[in-house]
């Protein structure tokens, strides 16, 4: 099985076809290669809401079920990934400055 054409987009870094899917573990978006792969370590499926969902293939659940296809996370195959945004605001933005104290000194 492979993704429907309306789910396929291109990677900004390498221009390869990818799909964005929501992880079943925490609902975060994850890019996966649009081309199915027997070496892939994730299973992708389209949910009843029309969205794509991805789960890890683990020792507990190693089989790909009907309606799923096996794929690689695109982070593992992209030769030129775009820079990742920091999830913490203000981190890595430059040197820290001391802030002058105002008011009472404790």
PDB file of N, CA and C in Angstrom:
ATOM      1  N   UNK A   1       0.851  -1.178   0.000  1.00  0.00           N
ATOM      2  CA  UNK A   1       0.000   0.000   0.000  1.00  0.00           C
ATOM      3  C   UNK A   1       0.892   1.235   0.000  1.00  0.00           C
ATOM      4  N   UNK A   2       0.424   2.319  -0.575  1.00  0.00           N
ATOM      5  CA  UNK A   2       1.162   3.573  -0.546  1.00  0.00           C
ATOM      6  C   UNK A   2       0.212   4.728  -0.287  1.00  0.00           C
ATOM      7  N   UNK A   3       0.745   5.881   0.087  1.00  0.00           N
ATOM      8  CA  UNK A   3      -0.127   6.999   0.466  1.00  0.00           C
ATOM      9  C   UNK A   3      -0.876   7.584  -0.726  1.00  0.00           C
ATOM     10  N   UNK A   4      -2.034   8.161  -0.445  1.00  0.00           N
ATOM     11  CA  UNK A   4      -2.801   8.855  -1.482  1.00  0.00           C
ATOM     12  C   UNK A   4      -2.030  10.099  -1.908  1.00  0.00           C
ATOM     13  N   UNK A   5      -2.197  10.503  -3.139  1.00  0.00           N
ATOM     14  CA  UNK A   5      -1.420  11.622  -3.687  1.00  0.00           C
ATOM     15  C   UNK A   5      -1.637  12.923  -2.918  1.00  0.00           C
ATOM     16  N   UNK A   6      -2.799  13.115  -2.307  1.00  0.00           N
ATOM     17  CA  UNK A   6      -3.032  14.367  -1.584  1.00  0.00           C
ATOM     18  C   UNK A   6      -2.260  14.435  -0.257  1.00  0.00           C
ATOM     19  N   UNK A   7      -1.678  13.323   0.175  1.00  0.00           N
ATOM     20  CA  UNK A   7      -0.855  13.316   1.385  1.00  0.00           C
ATOM     21  C   UNK A   7       0.616  13.592   1.077  1.00  0.00           C
ATOM     22  N   UNK A   8       1.005  13.493  -0.184  1.00  0.00           N
ATOM     23  CA  UNK A   8       2.414  13.596  -0.554  1.00  0.00           C
ATOM     24  C   UNK A   8       2.805  15.052  -0.798  1.00  0.00           C
ATOM     25  N   UNK A   9       3.926  15.448  -0.218  1.00  0.00           N
ATOM     26  CA  UNK A   9       4.513  16.768  -0.417  1.00  0.00           C
ATOM     27  C   UNK A   9       6.006  16.561  -0.643  1.00  0.00           C
ATOM     28  N   UNK A  10       6.789  17.631  -0.707  1.00  0.00           N
ATOM     29  CA  UNK A  10       8.225  17.470  -0.905  1.00  0.00           C
ATOM     30  C   UNK A  10       9.001  18.043   0.277  1.00  0.00           C
ATOM     31  N   UNK A  11      10.130  17.431   0.543  1.00  0.00           N
ATOM     32  CA  UNK A  11      11.032  17.886   1.607  1.00  0.00           C
ATOM     33  C   UNK A  11      11.673  19.200   1.172  1.00  0.00           C
ATOM     34  N   UNK A  12      11.744  20.161   2.067  1.00  0.00           N
ATOM     35  CA  UNK A  12      12.368  21.448   1.751  1.00  0.00           C
ATOM     36  C   UNK A  12      13.876  21.320   1.588  1.00  0.00           C
ATOM     37  N   UNK A  13      14.486  20.310   2.199  1.00  0.00           N
ATOM     38  CA  UNK A  13      15.922  20.136   2.126  1.00  0.00           C
ATOM     39  C   UNK A  13      16.384  19.422   0.871  1.00  0.00           C
ATOM     40  N   UNK A  14      15.759  18.269   0.569  1.00  0.00           N
ATOM     41  CA  UNK A  14      16.242  17.450  -0.546  1.00  0.00           C
ATOM     42  C   UNK A  14      15.234  17.286  -1.680  1.00  0.00           C
ATOM     43  N   UNK A  15      14.049  17.816  -1.509  1.00  0.00           N
ATOM     44  CA  UNK A  15      12.982  17.771  -2.527  1.00  0.00           C
ATOM     45  C   UNK A  15      12.437  16.363  -2.787  1.00  0.00           C
ATOM     46  N   UNK A  16      12.686  15.423  -1.894  1.00  0.00           N
ATOM     47  CA  UNK A  16      12.157  14.064  -2.024  1.00  0.00           C
ATOM     48  C   UNK A  16      10.687  14.049  -1.618  1.00  0.00           C
ATOM     49  N   UNK A  17       9.901  13.126  -2.152  1.00  0.00           N
ATOM     50  CA  UNK A  17       8.493  13.023  -1.749  1.00  0.00           C
ATOM     51  C   UNK A  17       8.372  12.482  -0.324  1.00  0.00           C
ATOM     52  N   UNK A  18       7.621  13.192   0.500  1.00  0.00           N
ATOM     53  CA  UNK A  18       7.400  12.793   1.893  1.00  0.00           C
ATOM     54  C   UNK A  18       5.926  12.927   2.242  1.00  0.00           C
ATOM     55  N   UNK A  19       5.558  12.354   3.369  1.00  0.00           N
ATOM     56  CA  UNK A  19       4.221  12.517   3.951  1.00  0.00           C
ATOM     57  C   UNK A  19       4.406  12.943   5.401  1.00  0.00           C
ATOM     58  N   UNK A  20       3.514  13.782   5.880  1.00  0.00           N
ATOM     59  CA  UNK A  20       3.510  14.155   7.286  1.00  0.00           C
ATOM     60  C   UNK A  20       2.465  13.295   7.980  1.00  0.00           C
ATOM     61  N   UNK A  21       2.856  12.691   9.087  1.00  0.00           N
ATOM     62  CA  UNK A  21       1.951  11.828   9.843  1.00  0.00           C
ATOM     63  C   UNK A  21       2.026  12.196  11.314  1.00  0.00           C
ATOM     64  N   UNK A  22       0.982  11.896  12.038  1.00  0.00           N
ATOM     65  CA  UNK A  22       0.952  12.118  13.484  1.00  0.00           C
ATOM     66  C   UNK A  22       1.394  10.843  14.182  1.00  0.00           C
ATOM     67  N   UNK A  23       2.270  10.983  15.164  1.00  0.00           N
ATOM     68  CA  UNK A  23       2.717   9.801  15.897  1.00  0.00           C
ATOM     69  C   UNK A  23       1.609   9.326  16.831  1.00  0.00           C
ATOM     70  N   UNK A  24       1.477   8.017  16.927  1.00  0.00           N
ATOM     71  CA  UNK A  24       0.454   7.477  17.827  1.00  0.00           C
ATOM     72  C   UNK A  24       0.888   7.609  19.277  1.00  0.00           C
ATOM     73  N   UNK A  25       2.193   7.764  19.516  1.00  0.00           N
ATOM     74  CA  UNK A  25       2.700   7.873  20.893  1.00  0.00           C
ATOM     75  C   UNK A  25       2.356   9.210  21.529  1.00  0.00           C
ATOM     76  N   UNK A  26       2.547  10.322  20.786  1.00  0.00           N
ATOM     77  CA  UNK A  26       2.328  11.630  21.412  1.00  0.00           C
ATOM     78  C   UNK A  26       1.650  12.657  20.513  1.00  0.00           C
ATOM     79  N   UNK A  27       1.228  12.271  19.328  1.00  0.00           N
ATOM     80  CA  UNK A  27       0.487  13.174  18.453  1.00  0.00           C
ATOM     81  C   UNK A  27       1.321  14.237  17.763  1.00  0.00           C
ATOM     82  N   UNK A  28       2.658  14.108  17.791  1.00  0.00           N
ATOM     83  CA  UNK A  28       3.512  15.079  17.108  1.00  0.00           C
ATOM     84  C   UNK A  28       3.635  14.712  15.633  1.00  0.00           C
ATOM     85  N   UNK A  29       3.901  15.732  14.820  1.00  0.00           N
ATOM     86  CA  UNK A  29       4.060  15.501  13.381  1.00  0.00           C
ATOM     87  C   UNK A  29       5.439  14.920  13.085  1.00  0.00           C
ATOM     88  N   UNK A  30       5.466  13.929  12.192  1.00  0.00           N
ATOM     89  CA  UNK A  30       6.718  13.298  11.798  1.00  0.00           C
ATOM     90  C   UNK A  30       6.721  13.115  10.288  1.00  0.00           C
ATOM     91  N   UNK A  31       7.807  13.534   9.607  1.00  0.00           N
ATOM     92  CA  UNK A  31       7.884  13.280   8.172  1.00  0.00           C
ATOM     93  C   UNK A  31       8.339  11.844   7.922  1.00  0.00           C
ATOM     94  N   UNK A  32       7.692  11.187   6.977  1.00  0.00           N
ATOM     95  CA  UNK A  32       8.092   9.841   6.570  1.00  0.00           C
ATOM     96  C   UNK A  32       8.243   9.829   5.059  1.00  0.00           C
ATOM     97  N   UNK A  33       9.124   8.969   4.563  1.00  0.00           N
ATOM     98  CA  UNK A  33       9.282   8.831   3.125  1.00  0.00           C
ATOM     99  C   UNK A  33       7.971   8.353   2.518  1.00  0.00           C
ATOM    100  N   UNK A  34       7.593   8.944   1.398  1.00  0.00           N
ATOM    101  CA  UNK A  34       6.329   8.579   0.753  1.00  0.00           C
ATOM    102  C   UNK A  34       6.413   7.221   0.059  1.00  0.00           C
ATOM    103  N   UNK A  35       7.630   6.791  -0.252  1.00  0.00           N
ATOM    104  CA  UNK A  35       7.813   5.496  -0.897  1.00  0.00           C
ATOM    105  C   UNK A  35       7.934   4.415   0.173  1.00  0.00           C
ATOM    106  N   UNK A  36       7.072   3.389   0.122  1.00  0.00           N
ATOM    107  CA  UNK A  36       7.180   2.307   1.101  1.00  0.00           C
ATOM    108  C   UNK A  36       8.549   1.638   1.031  1.00  0.00           C
ATOM    109  N   UNK A  37       9.016   1.136   2.175  1.00  0.00           N
ATOM    110  CA  UNK A  37      10.333   0.517   2.257  1.00  0.00           C
ATOM    111  C   UNK A  37      10.282  -0.702   3.168  1.00  0.00           C
ATOM    112  N   UNK A  38      10.807  -1.823   2.683  1.00  0.00           N
ATOM    113  CA  UNK A  38      10.847  -3.041   3.489  1.00  0.00           C
ATOM    114  C   UNK A  38      11.814  -2.900   4.661  1.00  0.00           C
ATOM    115  N   UNK A  39      12.774  -1.964   4.569  1.00  0.00           N
ATOM    116  CA  UNK A  39      13.727  -1.729   5.651  1.00  0.00           C
ATOM    117  C   UNK A  39      13.204  -0.727   6.675  1.00  0.00           C
ATOM    118  N   UNK A  40      12.044  -0.147   6.449  1.00  0.00           N
ATOM    119  CA  UNK A  40      11.498   0.883   7.325  1.00  0.00           C
ATOM    120  C   UNK A  40      11.220   0.386   8.728  1.00  0.00           C
ATOM    121  N   UNK A  41      11.292   1.298   9.680  1.00  0.00           N
ATOM    122  CA  UNK A  41      11.024   0.923  11.071  1.00  0.00           C
ATOM    123  C   UNK A  41       9.765   1.579  11.625  1.00  0.00           C
ATOM    124  N   UNK A  42       8.923   2.120  10.725  1.00  0.00           N
ATOM    125  CA  UNK A  42       7.635   2.660  11.143  1.00  0.00           C
ATOM    126  C   UNK A  42       6.538   2.121  10.232  1.00  0.00           C
ATOM    127  N   UNK A  43       5.331   2.048  10.775  1.00  0.00           N
ATOM    128  CA  UNK A  43       4.154   1.649  10.013  1.00  0.00           C
ATOM    129  C   UNK A  43       3.229   2.853   9.925  1.00  0.00           C
ATOM    130  N   UNK A  44       2.745   3.145   8.725  1.00  0.00           N
ATOM    131  CA  UNK A  44       1.905   4.310   8.480  1.00  0.00           C
ATOM    132  C   UNK A  44       0.527   3.832   8.037  1.00  0.00           C
ATOM    133  N   UNK A  45      -0.495   4.499   8.513  1.00  0.00           N
ATOM    134  CA  UNK A  45      -1.864   4.180   8.090  1.00  0.00           C
ATOM    135  C   UNK A  45      -2.705   5.445   8.032  1.00  0.00           C
ATOM    136  N   UNK A  46      -3.740   5.400   7.242  1.00  0.00           N
ATOM    137  CA  UNK A  46      -4.688   6.504   7.195  1.00  0.00           C
ATOM    138  C   UNK A  46      -5.817   6.193   8.164  1.00  0.00           C
ATOM    139  N   UNK A  47      -6.065   7.130   9.078  1.00  0.00           N
ATOM    140  CA  UNK A  47      -7.118   6.950  10.066  1.00  0.00           C
ATOM    141  C   UNK A  47      -8.492   7.247   9.492  1.00  0.00           C
ATOM    142  N   UNK A  48      -9.542   6.958  10.243  1.00  0.00           N
ATOM    143  CA  UNK A  48     -10.906   7.224   9.778  1.00  0.00           C
ATOM    144  C   UNK A  48     -11.172   8.715   9.554  1.00  0.00           C
ATOM    145  N   UNK A  49     -10.350   9.580  10.179  1.00  0.00           N
ATOM    146  CA  UNK A  49     -10.504  11.017   9.993  1.00  0.00           C
ATOM    147  C   UNK A  49      -9.774  11.529   8.752  1.00  0.00           C
ATOM    148  N   UNK A  50      -9.102  10.625   8.012  1.00  0.00           N
ATOM    149  CA  UNK A  50      -8.402  11.005   6.793  1.00  0.00           C
ATOM    150  C   UNK A  50      -6.958  11.411   7.008  1.00  0.00           C
ATOM    151  N   UNK A  51      -6.521  11.520   8.261  1.00  0.00           N
ATOM    152  CA  UNK A  51      -5.140  11.888   8.563  1.00  0.00           C
ATOM    153  C   UNK A  51      -4.253  10.643   8.570  1.00  0.00           C
ATOM    154  N   UNK A  52      -2.951  10.858   8.355  1.00  0.00           N
ATOM    155  CA  UNK A  52      -2.000   9.757   8.432  1.00  0.00           C
ATOM    156  C   UNK A  52      -1.466   9.645   9.849  1.00  0.00           C
ATOM    157  N   UNK A  53      -1.299   8.410  10.300  1.00  0.00           N
ATOM    158  CA  UNK A  53      -0.759   8.123  11.624  1.00  0.00           C
ATOM    159  C   UNK A  53       0.426   7.183  11.470  1.00  0.00           C
ATOM    160  N   UNK A  54       1.437   7.372  12.314  1.00  0.00           N
ATOM    161  CA  UNK A  54       2.640   6.557  12.240  1.00  0.00           C
ATOM    162  C   UNK A  54       2.915   5.966  13.612  1.00  0.00           C
ATOM    163  N   UNK A  55       3.361   4.717  13.615  1.00  0.00           N
ATOM    164  CA  UNK A  55       3.756   4.051  14.848  1.00  0.00           C
ATOM    165  C   UNK A  55       5.072   3.346  14.597  1.00  0.00           C
ATOM    166  N   UNK A  56       5.844   3.179  15.650  1.00  0.00           N
ATOM    167  CA  UNK A  56       7.104   2.451  15.543  1.00  0.00           C
ATOM    168  C   UNK A  56       6.829   0.965  15.425  1.00  0.00           C
ATOM    169  N   UNK A  57       7.643   0.292  14.619  1.00  0.00           N
ATOM    170  CA  UNK A  57       7.586  -1.162  14.550  1.00  0.00           C
ATOM    171  C   UNK A  57       8.531  -1.660  15.640  1.00  0.00           C
ATOM    172  N   UNK A  58       7.980  -2.381  16.584  1.00  0.00           N
ATOM    173  CA  UNK A  58       8.747  -2.823  17.754  1.00  0.00           C
ATOM    174  C   UNK A  58       8.734  -4.341  17.855  1.00  0.00           C
ATOM    175  N   UNK A  59       9.485  -4.871  18.799  1.00  0.00           N
ATOM    176  CA  UNK A  59       9.497  -6.318  19.032  1.00  0.00           C
ATOM    177  C   UNK A  59       8.124  -6.793  19.493  1.00  0.00           C
ATOM    178  N   UNK A  60       7.397  -5.937  20.217  1.00  0.00           N
ATOM    179  CA  UNK A  60       6.051  -6.297  20.672  1.00  0.00           C
ATOM    180  C   UNK A  60       5.052  -6.326  19.518  1.00  0.00           C
ATOM    181  N   UNK A  61       5.234  -5.417  18.562  1.00  0.00           N
ATOM    182  CA  UNK A  61       4.322  -5.333  17.410  1.00  0.00           C
ATOM    183  C   UNK A  61       5.151  -5.219  16.127  1.00  0.00           C
ATOM    184  N   UNK A  62       5.784  -6.334  15.704  1.00  0.00           N
ATOM    185  CA  UNK A  62       6.683  -6.285  14.552  1.00  0.00           C
ATOM    186  C   UNK A  62       5.984  -6.363  13.192  1.00  0.00           C
ATOM    187  N   UNK A  63       4.755  -6.794  13.169  1.00  0.00           N
ATOM    188  CA  UNK A  63       4.079  -7.002  11.896  1.00  0.00           C
ATOM    189  C   UNK A  63       3.382  -5.728  11.410  1.00  0.00           C
ATOM    190  N   UNK A  64       3.323  -5.597  10.093  1.00  0.00           N
ATOM    191  CA  UNK A  64       2.577  -4.505   9.477  1.00  0.00           C
ATOM    192  C   UNK A  64       1.166  -5.036   9.242  1.00  0.00           C
ATOM    193  N   UNK A  65       0.197  -4.358   9.810  1.00  0.00           N
ATOM    194  CA  UNK A  65      -1.191  -4.817   9.746  1.00  0.00           C
ATOM    195  C   UNK A  65      -1.859  -4.409   8.435  1.00  0.00           C
ATOM    196  N   UNK A  66      -2.986  -5.013   8.091  1.00  0.00           N
ATOM    197  CA  UNK A  66      -3.715  -4.596   6.891  1.00  0.00           C
ATOM    198  C   UNK A  66      -4.075  -3.111   6.968  1.00  0.00           C
ATOM    199  N   UNK A  67      -3.877  -2.409   5.877  1.00  0.00           N
ATOM    200  CA  UNK A  67      -4.156  -0.980   5.837  1.00  0.00           C
ATOM    201  C   UNK A  67      -2.949  -0.123   6.176  1.00  0.00           C
ATOM    202  N   UNK A  68      -1.846  -0.739   6.632  1.00  0.00           N
ATOM    203  CA  UNK A  68      -0.622  -0.019   6.951  1.00  0.00           C
ATOM    204  C   UNK A  68       0.418  -0.271   5.862  1.00  0.00           C
ATOM    205  N   UNK A  69       1.384   0.648   5.768  1.00  0.00           N
ATOM    206  CA  UNK A  69       2.547   0.374   4.939  1.00  0.00           C
ATOM    207  C   UNK A  69       3.792   0.709   5.734  1.00  0.00           C
ATOM    208  N   UNK A  70       4.864   0.008   5.411  1.00  0.00           N
ATOM    209  CA  UNK A  70       6.130   0.154   6.115  1.00  0.00           C
ATOM    210  C   UNK A  70       6.941   1.251   5.436  1.00  0.00           C
ATOM    211  N   UNK A  71       7.507   2.151   6.230  1.00  0.00           N
ATOM    212  CA  UNK A  71       8.253   3.284   5.679  1.00  0.00           C
ATOM    213  C   UNK A  71       9.422   3.644   6.585  1.00  0.00           C
ATOM    214  N   UNK A  72      10.267   4.531   6.067  1.00  0.00           N
ATOM    215  CA  UNK A  72      11.391   5.065   6.838  1.00  0.00           C
ATOM    216  C   UNK A  72      11.042   6.473   7.284  1.00  0.00           C
ATOM    217  N   UNK A  73      11.410   6.850   8.510  1.00  0.00           N
ATOM    218  CA  UNK A  73      11.282   8.255   8.896  1.00  0.00           C
ATOM    219  C   UNK A  73      12.194   9.074   7.980  1.00  0.00           C
ATOM    220  N   UNK A  74      11.713  10.206   7.494  1.00  0.00           N
ATOM    221  CA  UNK A  74      12.508  10.968   6.532  1.00  0.00           C
ATOM    222  C   UNK A  74      13.763  11.552   7.159  1.00  0.00           C
ATOM    223  N   UNK A  75      13.765  11.789   8.461  1.00  0.00           N
ATOM    224  CA  UNK A  75      14.971  12.295   9.129  1.00  0.00           C
ATOM    225  C   UNK A  75      16.140  11.323   8.943  1.00  0.00           C
ATOM    226  N   UNK A  76      15.845  10.032   8.799  1.00  0.00           N
ATOM    227  CA  UNK A  76      16.892   9.025   8.650  1.00  0.00           C
ATOM    228  C   UNK A  76      17.451   8.956   7.228  1.00  0.00           C
ATOM    229  N   UNK A  77      16.720   9.453   6.245  1.00  0.00           N
ATOM    230  CA  UNK A  77      17.152   9.306   4.852  1.00  0.00           C
ATOM    231  C   UNK A  77      17.476  10.617   4.150  1.00  0.00           C
ATOM    232  N   UNK A  78      17.143  11.741   4.741  1.00  0.00           N
ATOM    233  CA  UNK A  78      17.339  13.037   4.079  1.00  0.00           C
ATOM    234  C   UNK A  78      18.829  13.389   4.031  1.00  0.00           C
ATOM    235  N   UNK A  79      19.384  13.630   2.828  1.00  0.00           N
ATOM    236  CA  UNK A  79      20.797  13.991   2.731  1.00  0.00           C
ATOM    237  C   UNK A  79      21.074  15.438   3.135  1.00  0.00           C
ATOM    238  N   UNK A  80      20.066  16.291   3.117  1.00  0.00           N
ATOM    239  CA  UNK A  80      20.268  17.696   3.490  1.00  0.00           C
ATOM    240  C   UNK A  80      19.068  18.216   4.273  1.00  0.00           C
ATOM    241  N   UNK A  81      18.976  17.803   5.544  1.00  0.00           N
ATOM    242  CA  UNK A  81      17.817  18.232   6.337  1.00  0.00           C
ATOM    243  C   UNK A  81      17.839  19.726   6.601  1.00  0.00           C
ATOM    244  N   UNK A  82      16.660  20.350   6.598  1.00  0.00           N
ATOM    245  CA  UNK A  82      16.605  21.774   6.950  1.00  0.00           C
ATOM    246  C   UNK A  82      16.957  21.946   8.417  1.00  0.00           C
ATOM    247  N   UNK A  83      17.415  23.141   8.815  1.00  0.00           N
ATOM    248  CA  UNK A  83      17.759  23.343  10.225  1.00  0.00           C
ATOM    249  C   UNK A  83      16.537  23.151  11.107  1.00  0.00           C
ATOM    250  N   UNK A  84      16.748  22.525  12.261  1.00  0.00           N
ATOM    251  CA  UNK A  84      15.641  22.271  13.185  1.00  0.00           C
ATOM    252  C   UNK A  84      15.449  23.468  14.086  1.00  0.00           C
ATOM    253  N   UNK A  85      14.202  23.770  14.357  1.00  0.00           N
ATOM    254  CA  UNK A  85      13.884  24.854  15.280  1.00  0.00           C
ATOM    255  C   UNK A  85      14.018  24.358  16.699  1.00  0.00           C
ATOM    256  N   UNK A  86      14.447  25.227  17.569  1.00  0.00           N
ATOM    257  CA  UNK A  86      14.555  24.888  18.977  1.00  0.00           C
ATOM    258  C   UNK A  86      13.157  24.868  19.577  1.00  0.00           C
ATOM    259  N   UNK A  87      12.907  23.885  20.416  1.00  0.00           N
ATOM    260  CA  UNK A  87      11.594  23.811  21.056  1.00  0.00           C
ATOM    261  C   UNK A  87      11.508  24.708  22.279  1.00  0.00           C
ATOM    262  N   UNK A  88      12.657  25.205  22.726  1.00  0.00           N
ATOM    263  CA  UNK A  88      12.673  26.099  23.886  1.00  0.00           C
ATOM    264  C   UNK A  88      12.918  27.515  23.405  1.00  0.00           C
ATOM    265  N   UNK A  89      12.088  28.419  23.841  1.00  0.00           N
ATOM    266  CA  UNK A  89      12.252  29.804  23.432  1.00  0.00           C
ATOM    267  C   UNK A  89      13.425  30.435  24.143  1.00  0.00           C
ATOM    268  N   UNK A  90      14.162  31.249  23.425  1.00  0.00           N
ATOM    269  CA  UNK A  90      15.269  31.972  24.021  1.00  0.00           C
ATOM    270  C   UNK A  90      16.542  31.169  24.168  1.00  0.00           C
ATOM    271  N   UNK A  91      16.509  29.905  23.853  1.00  0.00           N
ATOM    272  CA  UNK A  91      17.700  29.088  24.013  1.00  0.00           C
ATOM    273  C   UNK A  91      18.554  29.180  22.754  1.00  0.00           C
ATOM    274  N   UNK A  92      19.823  29.445  22.943  1.00  0.00           N
ATOM    275  CA  UNK A  92      20.720  29.514  21.809  1.00  0.00           C
ATOM    276  C   UNK A  92      20.610  30.814  21.042  1.00  0.00           C
ATOM    277  N   UNK A  93      20.039  31.850  21.632  1.00  0.00           N
ATOM    278  CA  UNK A  93      19.841  33.104  20.910  1.00  0.00           C
ATOM    279  C   UNK A  93      20.985  34.074  21.112  1.00  0.00           C
ATOM    280  N   UNK A  94      21.918  33.777  21.968  1.00  0.00           N
ATOM    281  CA  UNK A  94      23.049  34.667  22.181  1.00  0.00           C
ATOM    282  C   UNK A  94      23.516  34.624  23.614  1.00  0.00           C
ATOM    283  N   UNK A  95      24.520  35.447  23.935  1.00  0.00           N
ATOM    284  CA  UNK A  95      25.053  35.428  25.298  1.00  0.00           C
ATOM    285  C   UNK A  95      24.044  35.983  26.297  1.00  0.00           C
ATOM    286  N   UNK A  96      24.148  35.505  27.520  1.00  0.00           N
ATOM    287  CA  UNK A  96      23.258  35.979  28.576  1.00  0.00           C
ATOM    288  C   UNK A  96      23.782  37.299  29.141  1.00  0.00           C
ATOM    289  N   UNK A  97      22.862  38.174  29.482  1.00  0.00           N
ATOM    290  CA  UNK A  97      23.233  39.449  30.110  1.00  0.00           C
ATOM    291  C   UNK A  97      22.687  39.453  31.517  1.00  0.00           C
ATOM    292  N   UNK A  98      23.420  40.085  32.407  1.00  0.00           N
ATOM    293  CA  UNK A  98      22.884  40.225  33.753  1.00  0.00           C
ATOM    294  C   UNK A  98      21.870  41.359  33.743  1.00  0.00           C
ATOM    295  N   UNK A  99      20.839  41.191  34.526  1.00  0.00           N
ATOM    296  CA  UNK A  99      19.785  42.194  34.621  1.00  0.00           C
ATOM    297  C   UNK A  99      20.005  42.974  35.905  1.00  0.00           C
ATOM    298  N   UNK A 100      20.084  44.312  35.829  1.00  0.00           N
ATOM    299  CA  UNK A 100      20.296  45.086  37.052  1.00  0.00           C
ATOM    300  C   UNK A 100      19.114  44.899  38.005  1.00  0.00           C
ATOM    301  N   UNK A 101      19.444  44.769  39.281  1.00  0.00           N
ATOM    302  CA  UNK A 101      18.396  44.618  40.283  1.00  0.00           C
ATOM    303  C   UNK A 101      17.769  45.977  40.595  1.00  0.00           C
ATOM    304  N   UNK A 102      16.494  45.937  40.779  1.00  0.00           N
ATOM    305  CA  UNK A 102      15.790  47.162  41.153  1.00  0.00           C
ATOM    306  C   UNK A 102      15.023  46.901  42.430  1.00  0.00           C
ATOM    307  N   UNK A 103      14.854  47.928  43.214  1.00  0.00           N
ATOM    308  CA  UNK A 103      14.095  47.765  44.447  1.00  0.00           C
ATOM    309  C   UNK A 103      14.968  47.244  45.563  1.00  0.00           C
ATOM    310  N   UNK A 104      14.367  46.469  46.407  1.00  0.00           N
ATOM    311  CA  UNK A 104      15.062  45.983  47.605  1.00  0.00           C
ATOM    312  C   UNK A 104      16.149  44.963  47.278  1.00  0.00           C
ATOM    313  N   UNK A 105      17.197  45.017  48.037  1.00  0.00           N
ATOM    314  CA  UNK A 105      18.250  44.022  47.943  1.00  0.00           C
ATOM    315  C   UNK A 105      18.043  43.022  49.080  1.00  0.00           C
ATOM    316  N   UNK A 106      17.947  41.785  48.823  1.00  0.00           N
ATOM    317  CA  UNK A 106      17.673  40.790  49.859  1.00  0.00           C
ATOM    318  C   UNK A 106      18.929  40.256  50.387  1.00  0.00           C
TER     319      UNK A 106
END
